[in-house]
Amino acid sequence: MKVGIAENVRTGLLPINGLRHPVRAGATGWYIWAGENVSADPSFFKPLHVEHLEQWCPVALEYLGLPPGWRFLVSSGYEDVWYDPSILTEPDAD
């Protein structure tokens, strides 16, 4: 199983963010990045096997059991975990 992860999580940049889409073939649905914003660059997230997450972003490990639709944000002395139903809705096709 894989997560989508931004290389910036290895830089020490905070906060660490994660959100979980529905599980798809070979993927957990998790997308994890550091900083305030997500890039629109299609290469921003890299596929990473969950077994390597401990080296890349160990703080994310404790949130992997959250179901699809959940998010987390972790910074120095701060943690927030919340349900975001917009993650589960498909964008309208025009």
Protein backbone atom coordinates (compact mmCIF):
# COMPACT_ATOMS: atom_id res chain seq x y z
CA MET A 1 0.00 0.00 0.00
CA LYS A 2 1.19 3.50 -0.83
CA VAL A 3 0.68 7.05 0.38
CA GLY A 4 1.09 10.21 -1.66
CA ILE A 5 3.77 12.29 0.03
CA ALA A 6 5.46 15.60 -0.68
CA GLU A 7 9.23 15.68 -0.47
CA ASN A 8 9.00 18.80 1.70
CA VAL A 9 8.08 16.65 4.74
CA ARG A 10 11.76 15.76 4.96
CA THR A 11 12.85 19.40 5.32
CA GLY A 12 11.52 20.08 8.82
CA LEU A 13 8.91 22.50 7.49
CA LEU A 14 5.79 22.71 9.67
CA PRO A 15 2.93 22.08 9.92
CA ILE A 16 2.62 18.50 8.72
CA ASN A 17 -0.74 17.96 7.00
CA GLY A 18 -2.53 14.81 5.94
CA LEU A 19 -5.86 13.98 4.38
CA ARG A 20 -7.39 10.69 3.38
CA HIS A 21 -9.33 10.02 0.21
CA PRO A 22 -11.12 6.68 -0.31
CA VAL A 23 -8.85 3.66 -0.70
CA ARG A 24 -8.04 2.70 -4.28
CA ALA A 25 -6.09 -0.20 -5.77
CA GLY A 26 -2.65 -0.21 -4.14
CA ALA A 27 -3.13 3.14 -2.39
CA THR A 28 -4.23 4.02 1.13
CA GLY A 29 -5.83 7.30 0.07
CA TRP A 30 -3.44 9.29 2.28
CA TYR A 31 -1.77 12.47 1.02
CA ILE A 32 0.80 14.03 3.35
CA TRP A 33 2.68 17.33 2.97
CA ALA A 34 4.44 20.02 4.99
CA GLY A 35 3.72 23.73 5.10
CA GLU A 36 0.65 25.88 4.77
CA ASN A 37 -0.23 25.17 1.14
CA VAL A 38 -0.56 22.24 -1.23
CA SER A 39 1.03 22.74 -4.62
CA ALA A 40 -1.03 22.29 -7.78
CA ASP A 41 2.06 20.81 -9.46
CA PRO A 42 1.13 17.26 -10.52
CA SER A 43 4.54 16.01 -9.32
CA PHE A 44 4.15 17.52 -5.81
CA PHE A 45 3.10 14.15 -4.33
CA LYS A 46 5.28 11.11 -4.80
CA PRO A 47 4.10 7.53 -4.22
CA LEU A 48 5.72 5.99 -1.14
CA HIS A 49 5.19 2.56 0.37
CA VAL A 50 3.82 2.86 3.91
CA GLU A 51 6.77 0.86 5.22
CA HIS A 52 9.06 3.83 4.38
CA LEU A 53 6.88 6.41 6.10
CA GLU A 54 8.78 5.98 9.37
CA GLN A 55 11.90 7.41 7.71
CA TRP A 56 10.07 10.12 5.77
CA CYS A 57 7.47 11.38 8.27
CA PRO A 58 7.16 9.36 11.49
CA VAL A 59 4.66 11.83 13.00
CA ALA A 60 2.08 10.73 10.41
CA LEU A 61 2.14 7.07 11.50
CA GLU A 62 -0.31 7.50 14.37
CA TYR A 63 -2.99 8.93 12.04
CA LEU A 64 -2.96 6.21 9.37
CA GLY A 65 -5.85 4.37 11.04
CA LEU A 66 -8.24 7.27 10.45
CA PRO A 67 -10.91 6.45 7.86
CA PRO A 68 -11.38 8.26 4.55
CA GLY A 69 -12.65 11.81 4.94
CA TRP A 70 -10.37 12.65 7.86
CA ARG A 71 -7.54 15.17 8.06
CA PHE A 72 -4.78 16.00 10.49
CA LEU A 73 -2.44 18.91 11.10
CA VAL A 74 0.55 18.71 13.45
CA SER A 75 2.95 21.49 14.40
CA SER A 76 5.13 22.34 17.38
CA GLY A 77 2.92 21.71 20.40
CA TYR A 78 -0.25 21.64 18.30
CA GLU A 79 -2.41 18.83 16.92
CA ASP A 80 -5.76 18.95 15.15
CA VAL A 81 -7.74 16.04 13.70
CA TRP A 82 -11.10 16.59 11.98
CA TYR A 83 -13.60 15.11 9.58
CA ASP A 84 -13.90 16.89 6.23
CA PRO A 85 -16.77 15.45 4.13
CA SER A 86 -15.63 17.46 1.09
CA ILE A 87 -12.76 14.98 0.67
CA LEU A 88 -15.28 12.26 -0.16
CA THR A 89 -17.27 14.14 -2.78
CA GLU A 90 -16.32 13.78 -6.41
CA PRO A 91 -15.78 17.07 -8.28
CA ASP A 92 -18.51 17.91 -10.76
CA ALA A 93 -17.64 17.02 -14.32
CA ASP A 94 -18.40 19.88 -16.67
